[in-house]
C-alpha atoms as a PDB file:
ATOM      1  CA  UNK A   1     -37.077 -18.173  50.682  1.00  0.00           C
ATOM      2  CA  UNK A   2     -40.597 -19.477  51.080  1.00  0.00           C
ATOM      3  CA  UNK A   3     -43.276 -18.207  48.838  1.00  0.00           C
ATOM      4  CA  UNK A   4     -46.876 -18.427  50.068  1.00  0.00           C
ATOM      5  CA  UNK A   5     -48.824 -19.150  46.915  1.00  0.00           C
ATOM      6  CA  UNK A   6     -52.497 -18.406  46.716  1.00  0.00           C
ATOM      7  CA  UNK A   7     -54.600 -21.609  47.326  1.00  0.00           C
ATOM      8  CA  UNK A   8     -56.257 -21.073  43.950  1.00  0.00           C
ATOM      9  CA  UNK A   9     -52.911 -21.138  42.315  1.00  0.00           C
ATOM     10  CA  UNK A  10     -51.974 -24.447  43.879  1.00  0.00           C
ATOM     11  CA  UNK A  11     -55.415 -25.896  42.893  1.00  0.00           C
ATOM     12  CA  UNK A  12     -55.029 -24.789  39.309  1.00  0.00           C
ATOM     13  CA  UNK A  13     -51.511 -26.264  39.251  1.00  0.00           C
ATOM     14  CA  UNK A  14     -52.840 -29.593  40.623  1.00  0.00           C
ATOM     15  CA  UNK A  15     -55.507 -29.667  37.811  1.00  0.00           C
ATOM     16  CA  UNK A  16     -52.814 -28.969  35.247  1.00  0.00           C
ATOM     17  CA  UNK A  17     -50.665 -31.820  36.608  1.00  0.00           C
ATOM     18  CA  UNK A  18     -53.603 -34.247  36.434  1.00  0.00           C
ATOM     19  CA  UNK A  19     -54.152 -33.214  32.767  1.00  0.00           C
ATOM     20  CA  UNK A  20     -50.431 -33.723  32.034  1.00  0.00           C
ATOM     21  CA  UNK A  21     -50.575 -37.306  33.392  1.00  0.00           C
ATOM     22  CA  UNK A  22     -52.809 -38.215  30.470  1.00  0.00           C
ATOM     23  CA  UNK A  23     -50.390 -36.889  27.837  1.00  0.00           C
ATOM     24  CA  UNK A  24     -46.814 -37.749  29.067  1.00  0.00           C
ATOM     25  CA  UNK A  25     -44.972 -38.812  25.901  1.00  0.00           C
ATOM     26  CA  UNK A  26     -42.213 -40.549  27.912  1.00  0.00           C
ATOM     27  CA  UNK A  27     -40.882 -41.271  31.354  1.00  0.00           C
ATOM     28  CA  UNK A  28     -38.080 -38.908  30.681  1.00  0.00           C
ATOM     29  CA  UNK A  29     -40.551 -36.016  30.186  1.00  0.00           C
ATOM     30  CA  UNK A  30     -42.352 -37.077  33.290  1.00  0.00           C
ATOM     31  CA  UNK A  31     -39.089 -36.908  35.185  1.00  0.00           C
ATOM     32  CA  UNK A  32     -38.622 -33.349  34.093  1.00  0.00           C
ATOM     33  CA  UNK A  33     -42.146 -32.596  35.389  1.00  0.00           C
ATOM     34  CA  UNK A  34     -41.213 -34.307  38.684  1.00  0.00           C
ATOM     35  CA  UNK A  35     -38.161 -32.021  38.980  1.00  0.00           C
ATOM     36  CA  UNK A  36     -40.506 -29.078  38.331  1.00  0.00           C
ATOM     37  CA  UNK A  37     -42.965 -30.198  40.994  1.00  0.00           C
ATOM     38  CA  UNK A  38     -40.143 -30.823  43.455  1.00  0.00           C
ATOM     39  CA  UNK A  39     -38.854 -27.277  43.013  1.00  0.00           C
ATOM     40  CA  UNK A  40     -42.391 -25.891  43.453  1.00  0.00           C
ATOM     41  CA  UNK A  41     -42.629 -27.913  46.799  1.00  0.00           C
ATOM     42  CA  UNK A  42     -39.260 -26.542  47.964  1.00  0.00           C
ATOM     43  CA  UNK A  43     -40.106 -22.836  47.341  1.00  0.00           C
ATOM     44  CA  UNK A  44     -43.566 -23.471  48.883  1.00  0.00           C
ATOM     45  CA  UNK A  45     -41.908 -24.441  52.204  1.00  0.00           C
ATOM     46  CA  UNK A  46     -42.147 -28.287  51.886  1.00  0.00           C
ATOM     47  CA  UNK A  47     -38.626 -28.845  50.846  1.00  0.00           C
ATOM     48  CA  UNK A  48     -37.618 -31.824  53.001  1.00  0.00           C
ATOM     49  CA  UNK A  49     -40.505 -34.040  51.953  1.00  0.00           C
ATOM     50  CA  UNK A  50     -40.282 -32.829  48.345  1.00  0.00           C
ATOM     51  CA  UNK A  51     -36.708 -33.905  48.247  1.00  0.00           C
ATOM     52  CA  UNK A  52     -37.599 -37.293  49.729  1.00  0.00           C
ATOM     53  CA  UNK A  53     -40.395 -37.861  47.220  1.00  0.00           C
ATOM     54  CA  UNK A  54     -38.008 -36.920  44.476  1.00  0.00           C
ATOM     55  CA  UNK A  55     -35.428 -39.482  45.698  1.00  0.00           C
ATOM     56  CA  UNK A  56     -38.103 -42.168  45.884  1.00  0.00           C
ATOM     57  CA  UNK A  57     -39.156 -41.382  42.325  1.00  0.00           C
ATOM     58  CA  UNK A  58     -35.617 -41.540  41.100  1.00  0.00           C
ATOM     59  CA  UNK A  59     -35.179 -44.944  42.770  1.00  0.00           C
ATOM     60  CA  UNK A  60     -38.438 -46.159  41.199  1.00  0.00           C
ATOM     61  CA  UNK A  61     -37.288 -44.849  37.876  1.00  0.00           C
ATOM     62  CA  UNK A  62     -33.989 -46.805  38.205  1.00  0.00           C
ATOM     63  CA  UNK A  63     -35.860 -49.859  39.277  1.00  0.00           C
ATOM     64  CA  UNK A  64     -38.135 -49.599  36.238  1.00  0.00           C
ATOM     65  CA  UNK A  65     -35.227 -49.451  33.810  1.00  0.00           C
ATOM     66  CA  UNK A  66     -33.494 -52.368  35.472  1.00  0.00           C
ATOM     67  CA  UNK A  67     -36.667 -54.464  35.535  1.00  0.00           C
ATOM     68  CA  UNK A  68     -37.673 -53.689  32.027  1.00  0.00           C
ATOM     69  CA  UNK A  69     -34.837 -55.592  30.518  1.00  0.00           C
ATOM     70  CA  UNK A  70     -34.557 -58.337  33.204  1.00  0.00           C
ATOM     71  CA  UNK A  71     -36.926 -60.871  31.651  1.00  0.00           C
ATOM     72  CA  UNK A  72     -40.466 -61.739  30.441  1.00  0.00           C
ATOM     73  CA  UNK A  73     -43.481 -63.524  31.570  1.00  0.00           C
ATOM     74  CA  UNK A  74     -46.815 -62.956  33.310  1.00  0.00           C
ATOM     75  CA  UNK A  75     -45.207 -61.775  36.618  1.00  0.00           C
ATOM     76  CA  UNK A  76     -42.816 -59.504  34.674  1.00  0.00           C
ATOM     77  CA  UNK A  77     -45.899 -57.938  32.871  1.00  0.00           C
ATOM     78  CA  UNK A  78     -47.784 -57.575  36.168  1.00  0.00           C
ATOM     79  CA  UNK A  79     -44.944 -55.697  37.911  1.00  0.00           C
ATOM     80  CA  UNK A  80     -44.521 -53.410  34.890  1.00  0.00           C
ATOM     81  CA  UNK A  81     -48.191 -52.673  34.782  1.00  0.00           C
ATOM     82  CA  UNK A  82     -48.251 -51.800  38.377  1.00  0.00           C
ATOM     83  CA  UNK A  83     -45.084 -49.527  38.040  1.00  0.00           C
ATOM     84  CA  UNK A  84     -46.788 -47.808  35.050  1.00  0.00           C
ATOM     85  CA  UNK A  85     -49.739 -47.029  37.332  1.00  0.00           C
ATOM     86  CA  UNK A  86     -47.456 -45.826  39.986  1.00  0.00           C
ATOM     87  CA  UNK A  87     -45.753 -43.434  37.529  1.00  0.00           C
ATOM     88  CA  UNK A  88     -49.128 -42.130  36.436  1.00  0.00           C
ATOM     89  CA  UNK A  89     -50.243 -41.414  40.009  1.00  0.00           C
ATOM     90  CA  UNK A  90     -47.009 -40.200  41.487  1.00  0.00           C
ATOM     91  CA  UNK A  91     -47.022 -36.609  40.202  1.00  0.00           C
ATOM     92  CA  UNK A  92     -50.669 -36.003  41.109  1.00  0.00           C
ATOM     93  CA  UNK A  93     -50.006 -37.539  44.711  1.00  0.00           C
ATOM     94  CA  UNK A  94     -46.792 -35.456  45.169  1.00  0.00           C
ATOM     95  CA  UNK A  95     -48.560 -32.216  44.127  1.00  0.00           C
ATOM     96  CA  UNK A  96     -51.552 -33.011  46.421  1.00  0.00           C
ATOM     97  CA  UNK A  97     -49.273 -33.650  49.343  1.00  0.00           C
ATOM     98  CA  UNK A  98     -47.582 -30.219  48.770  1.00  0.00           C
ATOM     99  CA  UNK A  99     -50.884 -28.560  48.742  1.00  0.00           C
ATOM    100  CA  UNK A 100     -52.181 -30.191  51.859  1.00  0.00           C
ATOM    101  CA  UNK A 101     -49.001 -29.446  53.891  1.00  0.00           C
ATOM    102  CA  UNK A 102     -48.554 -25.828  52.703  1.00  0.00           C
ATOM    103  CA  UNK A 103     -52.089 -24.575  52.802  1.00  0.00           C
ATOM    104  CA  UNK A 104     -54.054 -23.500  55.806  1.00  0.00           C
ATOM    105  CA  UNK A 105     -57.646 -24.618  55.941  1.00  0.00           C
ATOM    106  CA  UNK A 106     -58.978 -21.082  56.577  1.00  0.00           C
ATOM    107  CA  UNK A 107     -57.025 -19.669  53.613  1.00  0.00           C
ATOM    108  CA  UNK A 108     -58.371 -22.348  51.328  1.00  0.00           C
ATOM    109  CA  UNK A 109     -61.944 -21.817  52.425  1.00  0.00           C
ATOM    110  CA  UNK A 110     -61.516 -18.027  52.033  1.00  0.00           C
ATOM    111  CA  UNK A 111     -60.053 -18.418  48.576  1.00  0.00           C
ATOM    112  CA  UNK A 112     -62.854 -20.733  47.441  1.00  0.00           C
ATOM    113  CA  UNK A 113     -65.416 -18.278  48.848  1.00  0.00           C
ATOM    114  CA  UNK A 114     -63.795 -15.401  46.940  1.00  0.00           C
ATOM    115  CA  UNK A 115     -64.056 -17.428  43.779  1.00  0.00           C
ATOM    116  CA  UNK A 116     -67.662 -17.999  44.339  1.00  0.00           C
ATOM    117  CA  UNK A 117     -67.339 -21.780  44.376  1.00  0.00           C
ATOM    118  CA  UNK A 118     -70.658 -23.415  45.526  1.00  0.00           C
ATOM    119  CA  UNK A 119     -70.970 -24.497  48.987  1.00  0.00           C
ATOM    120  CA  UNK A 120     -71.660 -28.055  47.865  1.00  0.00           C
ATOM    121  CA  UNK A 121     -68.049 -28.141  46.705  1.00  0.00           C
ATOM    122  CA  UNK A 122     -66.432 -26.179  49.520  1.00  0.00           C
ATOM    123  CA  UNK A 123     -67.941 -28.220  52.423  1.00  0.00           C
ATOM    124  CA  UNK A 124     -66.695 -31.714  51.303  1.00  0.00           C
ATOM    125  CA  UNK A 125     -63.233 -30.325  50.429  1.00  0.00           C
ATOM    126  CA  UNK A 126     -63.033 -28.647  53.841  1.00  0.00           C
ATOM    127  CA  UNK A 127     -63.950 -31.877  55.621  1.00  0.00           C
ATOM    128  CA  UNK A 128     -61.353 -33.770  53.457  1.00  0.00           C
ATOM    129  CA  UNK A 129     -58.515 -31.378  54.311  1.00  0.00           C
ATOM    130  CA  UNK A 130     -59.306 -31.253  58.025  1.00  0.00           C
ATOM    131  CA  UNK A 131     -59.582 -35.118  57.948  1.00  0.00           C
ATOM    132  CA  UNK A 132     -55.973 -35.859  56.987  1.00  0.00           C
ATOM    133  CA  UNK A 133     -54.407 -34.812  60.271  1.00  0.00           C
ATOM    134  CA  UNK A 134     -57.115 -36.666  62.131  1.00  0.00           C
ATOM    135  CA  UNK A 135     -56.460 -39.745  60.191  1.00  0.00           C
ATOM    136  CA  UNK A 136     -52.764 -39.640  61.001  1.00  0.00           C
ATOM    137  CA  UNK A 137     -53.658 -39.425  64.678  1.00  0.00           C
ATOM    138  CA  UNK A 138     -56.143 -42.360  64.494  1.00  0.00           C
ATOM    139  CA  UNK A 139     -53.504 -44.405  62.678  1.00  0.00           C
ATOM    140  CA  UNK A 140     -51.086 -43.951  65.528  1.00  0.00           C
ATOM    141  CA  UNK A 141     -53.758 -45.171  68.074  1.00  0.00           C
ATOM    142  CA  UNK A 142     -54.504 -48.194  65.907  1.00  0.00           C
ATOM    143  CA  UNK A 143     -50.883 -49.178  65.546  1.00  0.00           C
ATOM    144  CA  UNK A 144     -50.370 -48.980  69.311  1.00  0.00           C
ATOM    145  CA  UNK A 145     -53.385 -51.240  69.845  1.00  0.00           C
ATOM    146  CA  UNK A 146     -52.140 -53.737  67.265  1.00  0.00           C
ATOM    147  CA  UNK A 147     -48.742 -53.864  68.977  1.00  0.00           C
ATOM    148  CA  UNK A 148     -50.445 -54.579  72.331  1.00  0.00           C
ATOM    149  CA  UNK A 149     -52.196 -57.552  70.696  1.00  0.00           C
ATOM    150  CA  UNK A 150     -49.024 -58.853  69.230  1.00  0.00           C
ATOM    151  CA  UNK A 151     -49.835 -57.932  65.576  1.00  0.00           C
ATOM    152  CA  UNK A 152     -47.215 -56.149  63.582  1.00  0.00           C
ATOM    153  CA  UNK A 153     -48.665 -53.260  61.415  1.00  0.00           C
ATOM    154  CA  UNK A 154     -46.332 -53.858  58.525  1.00  0.00           C
ATOM    155  CA  UNK A 155     -46.067 -55.830  55.257  1.00  0.00           C
ATOM    156  CA  UNK A 156     -44.349 -58.675  57.074  1.00  0.00           C
ATOM    157  CA  UNK A 157     -47.177 -58.907  59.608  1.00  0.00           C
ATOM    158  CA  UNK A 158     -49.678 -58.944  56.845  1.00  0.00           C
ATOM    159  CA  UNK A 159     -47.890 -61.792  55.069  1.00  0.00           C
ATOM    160  CA  UNK A 160     -47.685 -63.866  58.322  1.00  0.00           C
ATOM    161  CA  UNK A 161     -51.256 -63.257  59.440  1.00  0.00           C
ATOM    162  CA  UNK A 162     -53.333 -61.487  56.746  1.00  0.00           C
ATOM    163  CA  UNK A 163     -56.807 -61.987  58.293  1.00  0.00           C
ATOM    164  CA  UNK A 164     -55.771 -60.814  61.717  1.00  0.00           C
ATOM    165  CA  UNK A 165     -53.987 -57.770  60.234  1.00  0.00           C
ATOM    166  CA  UNK A 166     -57.110 -56.813  58.223  1.00  0.00           C
ATOM    167  CA  UNK A 167     -59.319 -57.257  61.150  1.00  0.00           C
ATOM    168  CA  UNK A 168     -57.100 -55.121  63.456  1.00  0.00           C
ATOM    169  CA  UNK A 169     -56.248 -52.489  60.896  1.00  0.00           C
ATOM    170  CA  UNK A 170     -58.840 -51.857  58.306  1.00  0.00           C
ATOM    171  CA  UNK A 171     -61.952 -52.445  60.325  1.00  0.00           C
ATOM    172  CA  UNK A 172     -61.311 -49.869  63.042  1.00  0.00           C
ATOM    173  CA  UNK A 173     -59.902 -47.544  60.501  1.00  0.00           C
ATOM    174  CA  UNK A 174     -63.048 -47.606  58.410  1.00  0.00           C
ATOM    175  CA  UNK A 175     -65.231 -47.202  61.490  1.00  0.00           C
ATOM    176  CA  UNK A 176     -63.134 -44.322  62.811  1.00  0.00           C
ATOM    177  CA  UNK A 177     -63.104 -42.632  59.448  1.00  0.00           C
ATOM    178  CA  UNK A 178     -66.890 -42.722  59.173  1.00  0.00           C
ATOM    179  CA  UNK A 179     -67.329 -41.264  62.681  1.00  0.00           C
ATOM    180  CA  UNK A 180     -64.557 -38.628  62.131  1.00  0.00           C
ATOM    181  CA  UNK A 181     -66.067 -37.406  58.929  1.00  0.00           C
ATOM    182  CA  UNK A 182     -69.426 -36.915  60.579  1.00  0.00           C
ATOM    183  CA  UNK A 183     -67.911 -35.099  63.512  1.00  0.00           C
ATOM    184  CA  UNK A 184     -65.926 -32.889  61.134  1.00  0.00           C
ATOM    185  CA  UNK A 185     -69.062 -32.096  59.086  1.00  0.00           C
ATOM    186  CA  UNK A 186     -70.969 -31.140  62.171  1.00  0.00           C
ATOM    187  CA  UNK A 187     -68.121 -28.946  63.374  1.00  0.00           C
ATOM    188  CA  UNK A 188     -67.888 -27.178  59.955  1.00  0.00           C
ATOM    189  CA  UNK A 189     -71.561 -26.426  59.916  1.00  0.00           C
ATOM    190  CA  UNK A 190     -71.513 -25.252  63.464  1.00  0.00           C
ATOM    191  CA  UNK A 191     -68.680 -22.824  62.670  1.00  0.00           C
ATOM    192  CA  UNK A 192     -70.894 -21.266  59.916  1.00  0.00           C
ATOM    193  CA  UNK A 193     -69.536 -22.824  56.754  1.00  0.00           C
ATOM    194  CA  UNK A 194     -72.986 -22.723  55.316  1.00  0.00           C
ATOM    195  CA  UNK A 195     -73.281 -19.047  55.754  1.00  0.00           C
ATOM    196  CA  UNK A 196     -74.326 -17.554  52.376  1.00  0.00           C
ATOM    197  CA  UNK A 197     -72.364 -14.318  52.975  1.00  0.00           C
ATOM    198  CA  UNK A 198     -68.805 -13.886  51.766  1.00  0.00           C
ATOM    199  CA  UNK A 199     -66.322 -15.382  54.188  1.00  0.00           C
ATOM    200  CA  UNK A 200     -64.092 -12.831  55.902  1.00  0.00           C
ATOM    201  CA  UNK A 201     -60.383 -13.363  56.722  1.00  0.00           C
ATOM    202  CA  UNK A 202     -57.612 -11.634  58.660  1.00  0.00           C
ATOM    203  CA  UNK A 203     -55.184 -12.454  55.799  1.00  0.00           C
ATOM    204  CA  UNK A 204     -55.569 -10.778  52.463  1.00  0.00           C
ATOM    205  CA  UNK A 205     -55.606 -13.344  49.672  1.00  0.00           C
ATOM    206  CA  UNK A 206     -54.892 -12.260  46.173  1.00  0.00           C
ATOM    207  CA  UNK A 207     -52.748 -13.156  43.237  1.00  0.00           C
ATOM    208  CA  UNK A 208     -49.198 -11.896  43.306  1.00  0.00           C
ATOM    209  CA  UNK A 209     -46.478 -11.799  40.688  1.00  0.00           C
ATOM    210  CA  UNK A 210     -45.098 -15.229  41.706  1.00  0.00           C
ATOM    211  CA  UNK A 211     -48.597 -16.654  41.426  1.00  0.00           C
ATOM    212  CA  UNK A 212     -48.936 -15.585  37.868  1.00  0.00           C
ATOM    213  CA  UNK A 213     -45.321 -16.723  37.195  1.00  0.00           C
ATOM    214  CA  UNK A 214     -46.074 -20.227  38.527  1.00  0.00           C
ATOM    215  CA  UNK A 215     -49.302 -20.439  36.517  1.00  0.00           C
ATOM    216  CA  UNK A 216     -47.534 -19.294  33.414  1.00  0.00           C
ATOM    217  CA  UNK A 217     -44.898 -21.972  33.795  1.00  0.00           C
ATOM    218  CA  UNK A 218     -47.341 -24.663  34.491  1.00  0.00           C
ATOM    219  CA  UNK A 219     -49.479 -23.800  31.469  1.00  0.00           C
ATOM    220  CA  UNK A 220     -46.387 -23.567  29.232  1.00  0.00           C
ATOM    221  CA  UNK A 221     -45.246 -27.043  30.487  1.00  0.00           C
ATOM    222  CA  UNK A 222     -48.723 -28.353  29.894  1.00  0.00           C
ATOM    223  CA  UNK A 223     -48.833 -27.021  26.337  1.00  0.00           C
ATOM    224  CA  UNK A 224     -45.432 -28.671  25.718  1.00  0.00           C
ATOM    225  CA  UNK A 225     -46.707 -31.975  27.154  1.00  0.00           C
ATOM    226  CA  UNK A 226     -49.819 -32.009  24.988  1.00  0.00           C
ATOM    227  CA  UNK A 227     -47.772 -31.074  21.895  1.00  0.00           C
ATOM    228  CA  UNK A 228     -45.107 -33.847  22.518  1.00  0.00           C
ATOM    229  CA  UNK A 229     -47.787 -36.340  23.481  1.00  0.00           C
ATOM    230  CA  UNK A 230     -49.761 -35.702  20.236  1.00  0.00           C
ATOM    231  CA  UNK A 231     -46.553 -35.663  18.104  1.00  0.00           C
ATOM    232  CA  UNK A 232     -45.554 -39.010  19.643  1.00  0.00           C
END
């Protein structure tokens, strides 16, 4: 059964996850959090990707344990530092991905308007959320163009010809990103996003029992994390 959480519930949960990443006492406790986030994604309707992200985290965790006792040296320390950063970012990225994939833009804007969030905050967030699908489409076009030029858009292609890969990939991506952001901003303003009146919506958005339950669980887990982190 899929539960349609209020966008404000998801946003608060994301903030709590970000706070938790600063206090994780151990990777084992972070793994418990990852299971918790994975379950949240499954009941939110993003089950397939949540399971894939969970499997990737498990593989990374196993790799960390194997690599931790495999040797020493500068390269060993660099890899461990990179993996530590990955573990810090992974819960936040996973929760953000769940929110983006399970939240309609109109519902998000309505929820923010009902919460009296300033327009200076709503407009950039609306542009960001609408930009993600457009970025995926532009990325597909850029990959097709690179293949026509005989450049492989992969890590192997980057190792073989890094300058050409950067030229064919990042330059058009940055130019397209700037233009797309401007177009989305203009479209949002044209559709009345700057209207000072309260935004109307066909769907009724309000907190339900499962919203309060999710918030209670996230808050309880956060308290446990802070307690264990301070104790350690």
